[in-house]
């Protein structure tokens, strides 16, 4: 059987293909060389940005740790009744770390330190500044109640009533104290009927409160006695019976 051999004829087109491939390689090299500087710069920018982000993150974490240490050192001084030391430390935190939560809370504890030292004017200013931008109901309740105490000690009963009333409207550990403070300030301003109404509303809302006898005594001093409304109810909260400003108390 005769063998068959196929002869492949190389065309001119085939002969051109290596040249075209070489031309493509050369073009790619030229493009790379022409844009190498820009590519290096872009890569450096990406690496640099990542480094900056990491650096900022590490810096902020370090600042958080330092702020926490300073805050708890100041809190320790306050608990030890070292008021001047606590004032100095909390003041620095307020001034340098106001953008951090602990720096913000330092304003509240600064007011507490001033109050502990009986520096009423500075305590008032610190707490007014704190409540102006505080959105946590618990700390706002605490600060406003302390502010009511300060105004009451200063003889500014109308402002004290406003602070107590705002504190009483917020859920917090001093809500009951604030409600009674509000009624007490109404009585001190001569608003007897309003004070009696608030006291009676308190008895209705809190029939088993520890302060029940205190409230009954306050009503007696006002020439009033608990009404039928003081019988144990199903629940509820004390209504605000006297209009008051909802704005943040002024320092002046």
C-alpha atoms as a PDB file:
ATOM      1  CA  UNK A   1       0.000   0.000   0.000  1.00  0.00           C
ATOM      2  CA  UNK A   2       1.624   3.219  -1.068  1.00  0.00           C
ATOM      3  CA  UNK A   3       2.286   5.629   1.764  1.00  0.00           C
ATOM      4  CA  UNK A   4       0.610   8.964   1.659  1.00  0.00           C
ATOM      5  CA  UNK A   5       2.421  12.082   2.708  1.00  0.00           C
ATOM      6  CA  UNK A   6       0.644  15.367   3.099  1.00  0.00           C
ATOM      7  CA  UNK A   7       2.794  18.336   2.478  1.00  0.00           C
ATOM      8  CA  UNK A   8       1.707  21.404   4.409  1.00  0.00           C
ATOM      9  CA  UNK A   9       2.334  24.475   2.445  1.00  0.00           C
ATOM     10  CA  UNK A  10       3.396  27.405   4.576  1.00  0.00           C
ATOM     11  CA  UNK A  11       1.572  30.471   3.524  1.00  0.00           C
ATOM     12  CA  UNK A  12       2.791  34.024   3.659  1.00  0.00           C
ATOM     13  CA  UNK A  13       0.209  34.641   6.416  1.00  0.00           C
ATOM     14  CA  UNK A  14       1.790  31.939   8.562  1.00  0.00           C
ATOM     15  CA  UNK A  15       5.172  33.471   8.093  1.00  0.00           C
ATOM     16  CA  UNK A  16       3.854  36.797   9.403  1.00  0.00           C
ATOM     17  CA  UNK A  17       2.429  35.404  12.696  1.00  0.00           C
ATOM     18  CA  UNK A  18       5.716  35.383  14.696  1.00  0.00           C
ATOM     19  CA  UNK A  19       6.249  38.972  13.701  1.00  0.00           C
ATOM     20  CA  UNK A  20       2.755  39.881  14.893  1.00  0.00           C
ATOM     21  CA  UNK A  21       3.327  38.079  18.214  1.00  0.00           C
ATOM     22  CA  UNK A  22       6.661  39.809  18.628  1.00  0.00           C
ATOM     23  CA  UNK A  23       4.993  43.118  17.856  1.00  0.00           C
ATOM     24  CA  UNK A  24       2.375  42.446  20.573  1.00  0.00           C
ATOM     25  CA  UNK A  25       5.096  41.641  23.134  1.00  0.00           C
ATOM     26  CA  UNK A  26       7.002  44.764  22.226  1.00  0.00           C
ATOM     27  CA  UNK A  27       3.841  46.876  22.523  1.00  0.00           C
ATOM     28  CA  UNK A  28       3.077  45.426  25.952  1.00  0.00           C
ATOM     29  CA  UNK A  29       6.618  46.136  27.083  1.00  0.00           C
ATOM     30  CA  UNK A  30       6.425  49.675  25.770  1.00  0.00           C
ATOM     31  CA  UNK A  31       3.118  50.222  27.586  1.00  0.00           C
ATOM     32  CA  UNK A  32       4.534  48.807  30.813  1.00  0.00           C
ATOM     33  CA  UNK A  33       7.639  50.972  30.595  1.00  0.00           C
ATOM     34  CA  UNK A  34       5.618  54.050  29.714  1.00  0.00           C
ATOM     35  CA  UNK A  35       3.232  53.532  32.650  1.00  0.00           C
ATOM     36  CA  UNK A  36       5.610  51.919  35.115  1.00  0.00           C
ATOM     37  CA  UNK A  37       6.045  55.103  37.103  1.00  0.00           C
ATOM     38  CA  UNK A  38       2.298  55.608  37.407  1.00  0.00           C
ATOM     39  CA  UNK A  39       1.788  51.975  38.392  1.00  0.00           C
ATOM     40  CA  UNK A  40       4.473  52.262  41.057  1.00  0.00           C
ATOM     41  CA  UNK A  41       2.934  55.488  42.358  1.00  0.00           C
ATOM     42  CA  UNK A  42      -0.548  53.919  42.452  1.00  0.00           C
ATOM     43  CA  UNK A  43       0.741  50.878  44.305  1.00  0.00           C
ATOM     44  CA  UNK A  44       2.588  53.106  46.737  1.00  0.00           C
ATOM     45  CA  UNK A  45      -0.578  55.129  47.341  1.00  0.00           C
ATOM     46  CA  UNK A  46      -2.579  51.972  48.083  1.00  0.00           C
ATOM     47  CA  UNK A  47       0.098  50.653  50.429  1.00  0.00           C
ATOM     48  CA  UNK A  48       0.457  54.071  52.045  1.00  0.00           C
ATOM     49  CA  UNK A  49      -3.302  54.424  52.572  1.00  0.00           C
ATOM     50  CA  UNK A  50      -3.466  50.991  54.160  1.00  0.00           C
ATOM     51  CA  UNK A  51      -0.582  51.941  56.406  1.00  0.00           C
ATOM     52  CA  UNK A  52      -2.295  55.174  57.417  1.00  0.00           C
ATOM     53  CA  UNK A  53      -5.557  53.373  58.224  1.00  0.00           C
ATOM     54  CA  UNK A  54      -3.722  50.800  60.310  1.00  0.00           C
ATOM     55  CA  UNK A  55      -1.689  53.508  62.012  1.00  0.00           C
ATOM     56  CA  UNK A  56      -4.779  55.539  62.869  1.00  0.00           C
ATOM     57  CA  UNK A  57      -6.524  52.437  64.196  1.00  0.00           C
ATOM     58  CA  UNK A  58      -3.587  51.538  66.427  1.00  0.00           C
ATOM     59  CA  UNK A  59      -3.298  55.145  67.601  1.00  0.00           C
ATOM     60  CA  UNK A  60      -6.996  55.349  68.471  1.00  0.00           C
ATOM     61  CA  UNK A  61      -6.878  52.060  70.370  1.00  0.00           C
ATOM     62  CA  UNK A  62      -3.909  53.336  72.336  1.00  0.00           C
ATOM     63  CA  UNK A  63      -5.733  56.595  73.074  1.00  0.00           C
ATOM     64  CA  UNK A  64      -8.788  54.632  74.230  1.00  0.00           C
ATOM     65  CA  UNK A  65      -6.639  52.650  76.636  1.00  0.00           C
ATOM     66  CA  UNK A  66      -4.904  55.741  78.020  1.00  0.00           C
ATOM     67  CA  UNK A  67      -8.217  57.603  78.347  1.00  0.00           C
ATOM     68  CA  UNK A  68      -9.711  54.664  80.237  1.00  0.00           C
ATOM     69  CA  UNK A  69      -6.787  54.556  82.639  1.00  0.00           C
ATOM     70  CA  UNK A  70      -7.017  58.306  83.267  1.00  0.00           C
ATOM     71  CA  UNK A  71     -10.788  58.165  83.721  1.00  0.00           C
ATOM     72  CA  UNK A  72     -10.689  55.409  86.322  1.00  0.00           C
ATOM     73  CA  UNK A  73      -7.831  57.122  88.143  1.00  0.00           C
ATOM     74  CA  UNK A  74      -9.987  60.261  88.379  1.00  0.00           C
ATOM     75  CA  UNK A  75     -12.976  58.190  89.484  1.00  0.00           C
ATOM     76  CA  UNK A  76     -10.844  56.653  92.213  1.00  0.00           C
ATOM     77  CA  UNK A  77      -9.922  60.118  93.454  1.00  0.00           C
ATOM     78  CA  UNK A  78     -13.605  61.105  93.486  1.00  0.00           C
ATOM     79  CA  UNK A  79     -14.603  58.003  95.440  1.00  0.00           C
ATOM     80  CA  UNK A  80     -11.826  58.760  97.922  1.00  0.00           C
ATOM     81  CA  UNK A  81     -13.259  62.294  98.285  1.00  0.00           C
ATOM     82  CA  UNK A  82     -10.062  63.804  96.904  1.00  0.00           C
ATOM     83  CA  UNK A  83     -12.135  66.405  95.153  1.00  0.00           C
ATOM     84  CA  UNK A  84      -9.392  68.743  93.954  1.00  0.00           C
ATOM     85  CA  UNK A  85      -7.464  65.892  92.363  1.00  0.00           C
ATOM     86  CA  UNK A  86     -10.655  64.543  90.782  1.00  0.00           C
ATOM     87  CA  UNK A  87     -11.555  68.001  89.462  1.00  0.00           C
ATOM     88  CA  UNK A  88      -8.134  68.429  87.841  1.00  0.00           C
ATOM     89  CA  UNK A  89      -8.175  64.999  86.214  1.00  0.00           C
ATOM     90  CA  UNK A  90     -11.755  65.182  84.954  1.00  0.00           C
ATOM     91  CA  UNK A  91     -11.155  68.698  83.625  1.00  0.00           C
ATOM     92  CA  UNK A  92      -8.222  67.456  81.531  1.00  0.00           C
ATOM     93  CA  UNK A  93     -10.354  64.640  80.144  1.00  0.00           C
ATOM     94  CA  UNK A  94     -13.170  67.029  79.238  1.00  0.00           C
ATOM     95  CA  UNK A  95     -10.724  69.335  77.477  1.00  0.00           C
ATOM     96  CA  UNK A  96      -8.683  66.720  75.618  1.00  0.00           C
ATOM     97  CA  UNK A  97     -11.040  63.777  75.057  1.00  0.00           C
ATOM     98  CA  UNK A  98     -14.448  65.351  74.475  1.00  0.00           C
ATOM     99  CA  UNK A  99     -14.879  63.247  71.342  1.00  0.00           C
ATOM    100  CA  UNK A 100     -14.719  60.008  73.308  1.00  0.00           C
ATOM    101  CA  UNK A 101     -17.494  58.596  75.478  1.00  0.00           C
ATOM    102  CA  UNK A 102     -15.345  58.609  78.615  1.00  0.00           C
ATOM    103  CA  UNK A 103     -14.301  62.171  77.879  1.00  0.00           C
ATOM    104  CA  UNK A 104     -17.969  63.089  77.649  1.00  0.00           C
ATOM    105  CA  UNK A 105     -18.834  61.275  80.885  1.00  0.00           C
ATOM    106  CA  UNK A 106     -15.965  63.091  82.567  1.00  0.00           C
ATOM    107  CA  UNK A 107     -18.170  66.204  82.428  1.00  0.00           C
ATOM    108  CA  UNK A 108     -20.788  64.519  84.590  1.00  0.00           C
ATOM    109  CA  UNK A 109     -18.255  63.348  87.157  1.00  0.00           C
ATOM    110  CA  UNK A 110     -16.572  66.740  87.119  1.00  0.00           C
ATOM    111  CA  UNK A 111     -19.899  68.204  88.236  1.00  0.00           C
ATOM    112  CA  UNK A 112     -20.109  65.534  90.940  1.00  0.00           C
ATOM    113  CA  UNK A 113     -16.617  66.432  92.164  1.00  0.00           C
ATOM    114  CA  UNK A 114     -17.531  70.118  92.377  1.00  0.00           C
ATOM    115  CA  UNK A 115     -20.767  69.218  94.157  1.00  0.00           C
ATOM    116  CA  UNK A 116     -18.863  67.071  96.634  1.00  0.00           C
ATOM    117  CA  UNK A 117     -16.608  70.037  97.359  1.00  0.00           C
ATOM    118  CA  UNK A 118     -19.718  72.254  97.695  1.00  0.00           C
ATOM    119  CA  UNK A 119     -18.546  74.406  94.779  1.00  0.00           C
ATOM    120  CA  UNK A 120     -22.090  74.932  93.564  1.00  0.00           C
ATOM    121  CA  UNK A 121     -21.412  77.433  90.791  1.00  0.00           C
ATOM    122  CA  UNK A 122     -18.822  75.258  89.054  1.00  0.00           C
ATOM    123  CA  UNK A 123     -20.927  72.142  89.632  1.00  0.00           C
ATOM    124  CA  UNK A 124     -23.890  73.859  87.980  1.00  0.00           C
ATOM    125  CA  UNK A 125     -21.830  74.940  84.963  1.00  0.00           C
ATOM    126  CA  UNK A 126     -20.321  71.478  84.495  1.00  0.00           C
ATOM    127  CA  UNK A 127     -23.694  69.717  84.636  1.00  0.00           C
ATOM    128  CA  UNK A 128     -25.446  72.234  82.384  1.00  0.00           C
ATOM    129  CA  UNK A 129     -22.710  71.668  79.788  1.00  0.00           C
ATOM    130  CA  UNK A 130     -23.049  67.908  80.191  1.00  0.00           C
ATOM    131  CA  UNK A 131     -26.842  67.629  79.819  1.00  0.00           C
ATOM    132  CA  UNK A 132     -26.853  69.956  76.807  1.00  0.00           C
ATOM    133  CA  UNK A 133     -25.599  67.122  74.604  1.00  0.00           C
ATOM    134  CA  UNK A 134     -26.309  63.956  76.592  1.00  0.00           C
ATOM    135  CA  UNK A 135     -28.586  61.394  74.951  1.00  0.00           C
ATOM    136  CA  UNK A 136     -28.329  58.573  77.482  1.00  0.00           C
ATOM    137  CA  UNK A 137     -31.475  58.726  79.633  1.00  0.00           C
ATOM    138  CA  UNK A 138     -29.775  57.237  82.689  1.00  0.00           C
ATOM    139  CA  UNK A 139     -26.977  59.788  82.877  1.00  0.00           C
ATOM    140  CA  UNK A 140     -29.310  62.629  81.887  1.00  0.00           C
ATOM    141  CA  UNK A 141     -31.610  61.612  84.757  1.00  0.00           C
ATOM    142  CA  UNK A 142     -28.683  61.616  87.198  1.00  0.00           C
ATOM    143  CA  UNK A 143     -27.272  64.918  85.970  1.00  0.00           C
ATOM    144  CA  UNK A 144     -30.616  66.742  85.986  1.00  0.00           C
ATOM    145  CA  UNK A 145     -31.406  65.503  89.491  1.00  0.00           C
ATOM    146  CA  UNK A 146     -28.031  66.747  90.727  1.00  0.00           C
ATOM    147  CA  UNK A 147     -28.684  70.007  88.926  1.00  0.00           C
ATOM    148  CA  UNK A 148     -31.995  70.287  90.774  1.00  0.00           C
ATOM    149  CA  UNK A 149     -30.163  69.758  94.068  1.00  0.00           C
ATOM    150  CA  UNK A 150     -27.679  72.485  93.167  1.00  0.00           C
ATOM    151  CA  UNK A 151     -30.358  75.017  92.224  1.00  0.00           C
ATOM    152  CA  UNK A 152     -32.290  74.139  95.381  1.00  0.00           C
ATOM    153  CA  UNK A 153     -29.213  74.776  97.525  1.00  0.00           C
ATOM    154  CA  UNK A 154     -28.668  78.062  95.703  1.00  0.00           C
ATOM    155  CA  UNK A 155     -32.248  79.106  96.478  1.00  0.00           C
ATOM    156  CA  UNK A 156     -33.265  79.154  92.797  1.00  0.00           C
ATOM    157  CA  UNK A 157     -36.431  77.147  93.269  1.00  0.00           C
ATOM    158  CA  UNK A 158     -37.961  77.756  89.843  1.00  0.00           C
ATOM    159  CA  UNK A 159     -34.849  76.439  88.103  1.00  0.00           C
ATOM    160  CA  UNK A 160     -34.668  73.575  90.569  1.00  0.00           C
ATOM    161  CA  UNK A 161     -38.287  72.672  89.762  1.00  0.00           C
ATOM    162  CA  UNK A 162     -37.478  72.688  86.041  1.00  0.00           C
ATOM    163  CA  UNK A 163     -34.459  70.432  86.486  1.00  0.00           C
ATOM    164  CA  UNK A 164     -36.339  68.028  88.767  1.00  0.00           C
ATOM    165  CA  UNK A 165     -39.290  67.928  86.391  1.00  0.00           C
ATOM    166  CA  UNK A 166     -37.078  67.025  83.441  1.00  0.00           C
ATOM    167  CA  UNK A 167     -35.291  64.378  85.501  1.00  0.00           C
ATOM    168  CA  UNK A 168     -38.655  62.929  86.594  1.00  0.00           C
ATOM    169  CA  UNK A 169     -39.645  62.486  82.947  1.00  0.00           C
ATOM    170  CA  UNK A 170     -36.628  60.246  82.283  1.00  0.00           C
ATOM    171  CA  UNK A 171     -36.276  56.632  83.332  1.00  0.00           C
ATOM    172  CA  UNK A 172     -33.330  56.386  85.660  1.00  0.00           C
ATOM    173  CA  UNK A 173     -32.130  55.661  89.189  1.00  0.00           C
ATOM    174  CA  UNK A 174     -33.128  59.111  90.476  1.00  0.00           C
ATOM    175  CA  UNK A 175     -36.587  59.329  88.903  1.00  0.00           C
ATOM    176  CA  UNK A 176     -38.472  58.963  92.199  1.00  0.00           C
ATOM    177  CA  UNK A 177     -36.212  61.440  93.964  1.00  0.00           C
ATOM    178  CA  UNK A 178     -36.726  63.886  91.110  1.00  0.00           C
ATOM    179  CA  UNK A 179     -40.526  63.541  91.291  1.00  0.00           C
ATOM    180  CA  UNK A 180     -40.502  64.384  94.988  1.00  0.00           C
ATOM    181  CA  UNK A 181     -38.038  67.188  94.401  1.00  0.00           C
ATOM    182  CA  UNK A 182     -40.371  68.670  91.818  1.00  0.00           C
ATOM    183  CA  UNK A 183     -43.294  68.624  94.270  1.00  0.00           C
ATOM    184  CA  UNK A 184     -41.112  70.109  96.998  1.00  0.00           C
ATOM    185  CA  UNK A 185     -40.037  73.004  94.762  1.00  0.00           C
ATOM    186  CA  UNK A 186     -43.659  73.740  93.870  1.00  0.00           C
ATOM    187  CA  UNK A 187     -44.458  73.968  97.571  1.00  0.00           C
ATOM    188  CA  UNK A 188     -41.486  76.266  98.207  1.00  0.00           C
ATOM    189  CA  UNK A 189     -42.730  78.579  95.474  1.00  0.00           C
ATOM    190  CA  UNK A 190     -46.152  78.761  97.145  1.00  0.00           C
ATOM    191  CA  UNK A 191     -47.889  76.577  94.567  1.00  0.00           C
ATOM    192  CA  UNK A 192     -49.613  74.517  97.261  1.00  0.00           C
ATOM    193  CA  UNK A 193     -52.397  72.999  95.166  1.00  0.00           C
ATOM    194  CA  UNK A 194     -49.980  71.929  92.443  1.00  0.00           C
ATOM    195  CA  UNK A 195     -47.625  70.400  95.014  1.00  0.00           C
ATOM    196  CA  UNK A 196     -50.486  68.488  96.662  1.00  0.00           C
ATOM    197  CA  UNK A 197     -51.615  67.185  93.281  1.00  0.00           C
ATOM    198  CA  UNK A 198     -48.100  65.954  92.439  1.00  0.00           C
ATOM    199  CA  UNK A 199     -47.681  64.285  95.837  1.00  0.00           C
ATOM    200  CA  UNK A 200     -51.041  62.531  95.505  1.00  0.00           C
ATOM    201  CA  UNK A 201     -50.216  61.446  91.973  1.00  0.00           C
ATOM    202  CA  UNK A 202     -46.977  59.998  93.309  1.00  0.00           C
ATOM    203  CA  UNK A 203     -48.859  57.953  95.924  1.00  0.00           C
ATOM    204  CA  UNK A 204     -51.180  56.661  93.230  1.00  0.00           C
ATOM    205  CA  UNK A 205     -48.320  55.669  90.940  1.00  0.00           C
ATOM    206  CA  UNK A 206     -46.091  54.274  93.713  1.00  0.00           C
ATOM    207  CA  UNK A 207     -48.349  52.798  96.431  1.00  0.00           C
ATOM    208  CA  UNK A 208     -45.557  50.738  97.986  1.00  0.00           C
ATOM    209  CA  UNK A 209     -42.680  53.179  97.637  1.00  0.00           C
ATOM    210  CA  UNK A 210     -40.282  53.524 100.552  1.00  0.00           C
ATOM    211  CA  UNK A 211     -40.943  57.257 100.441  1.00  0.00           C
ATOM    212  CA  UNK A 212     -44.679  56.825 101.094  1.00  0.00           C
ATOM    213  CA  UNK A 213     -44.546  58.030 104.692  1.00  0.00           C
ATOM    214  CA  UNK A 214     -42.356  60.953 103.671  1.00  0.00           C
ATOM    215  CA  UNK A 215     -44.942  61.976 101.090  1.00  0.00           C
ATOM    216  CA  UNK A 216     -47.826  61.601 103.559  1.00  0.00           C
ATOM    217  CA  UNK A 217     -45.867  63.813 105.961  1.00  0.00           C
ATOM    218  CA  UNK A 218     -45.277  66.420 103.263  1.00  0.00           C
ATOM    219  CA  UNK A 219     -48.996  66.454 102.477  1.00  0.00           C
ATOM    220  CA  UNK A 220     -49.761  66.947 106.169  1.00  0.00           C
ATOM    221  CA  UNK A 221     -47.429  69.956 106.276  1.00  0.00           C
ATOM    222  CA  UNK A 222     -49.407  71.393 103.377  1.00  0.00           C
ATOM    223  CA  UNK A 223     -52.661  70.820 105.260  1.00  0.00           C
ATOM    224  CA  UNK A 224     -53.725  67.999 102.973  1.00  0.00           C
ATOM    225  CA  UNK A 225     -54.238  64.293 103.387  1.00  0.00           C
ATOM    226  CA  UNK A 226     -53.978  61.393 100.958  1.00  0.00           C
ATOM    227  CA  UNK A 227     -57.139  61.165  98.889  1.00  0.00           C
ATOM    228  CA  UNK A 228     -58.970  58.128  97.574  1.00  0.00           C
ATOM    229  CA  UNK A 229     -56.635  58.317  94.572  1.00  0.00           C
ATOM    230  CA  UNK A 230     -53.867  57.033  96.831  1.00  0.00           C
ATOM    231  CA  UNK A 231     -55.403  53.530  96.869  1.00  0.00           C
ATOM    232  CA  UNK A 232     -53.152  50.944  95.187  1.00  0.00           C
ATOM    233  CA  UNK A 233     -53.633  51.251  91.392  1.00  0.00           C
ATOM    234  CA  UNK A 234     -52.783  48.819  88.638  1.00  0.00           C
ATOM    235  CA  UNK A 235     -49.747  50.866  87.699  1.00  0.00           C
ATOM    236  CA  UNK A 236     -48.744  53.981  85.861  1.00  0.00           C
ATOM    237  CA  UNK A 237     -46.395  56.900  86.175  1.00  0.00           C
ATOM    238  CA  UNK A 238     -46.730  60.296  87.712  1.00  0.00           C
ATOM    239  CA  UNK A 239     -48.224  62.804  85.281  1.00  0.00           C
ATOM    240  CA  UNK A 240     -46.575  66.161  84.844  1.00  0.00           C
ATOM    241  CA  UNK A 241     -49.218  68.427  86.283  1.00  0.00           C
ATOM    242  CA  UNK A 242     -47.496  71.769  86.004  1.00  0.00           C
ATOM    243  CA  UNK A 243     -46.182  72.944  82.651  1.00  0.00           C
ATOM    244  CA  UNK A 244     -42.440  73.365  82.612  1.00  0.00           C
ATOM    245  CA  UNK A 245     -39.784  74.081  80.071  1.00  0.00           C
ATOM    246  CA  UNK A 246     -38.359  71.044  78.316  1.00  0.00           C
ATOM    247  CA  UNK A 247     -35.253  72.972  77.409  1.00  0.00           C
ATOM    248  CA  UNK A 248     -31.944  72.297  79.060  1.00  0.00           C
ATOM    249  CA  UNK A 249     -31.615  74.310  82.283  1.00  0.00           C
ATOM    250  CA  UNK A 250     -29.611  77.472  81.947  1.00  0.00           C
ATOM    251  CA  UNK A 251     -26.493  78.032  83.994  1.00  0.00           C
ATOM    252  CA  UNK A 252     -27.583  81.553  84.814  1.00  0.00           C
END
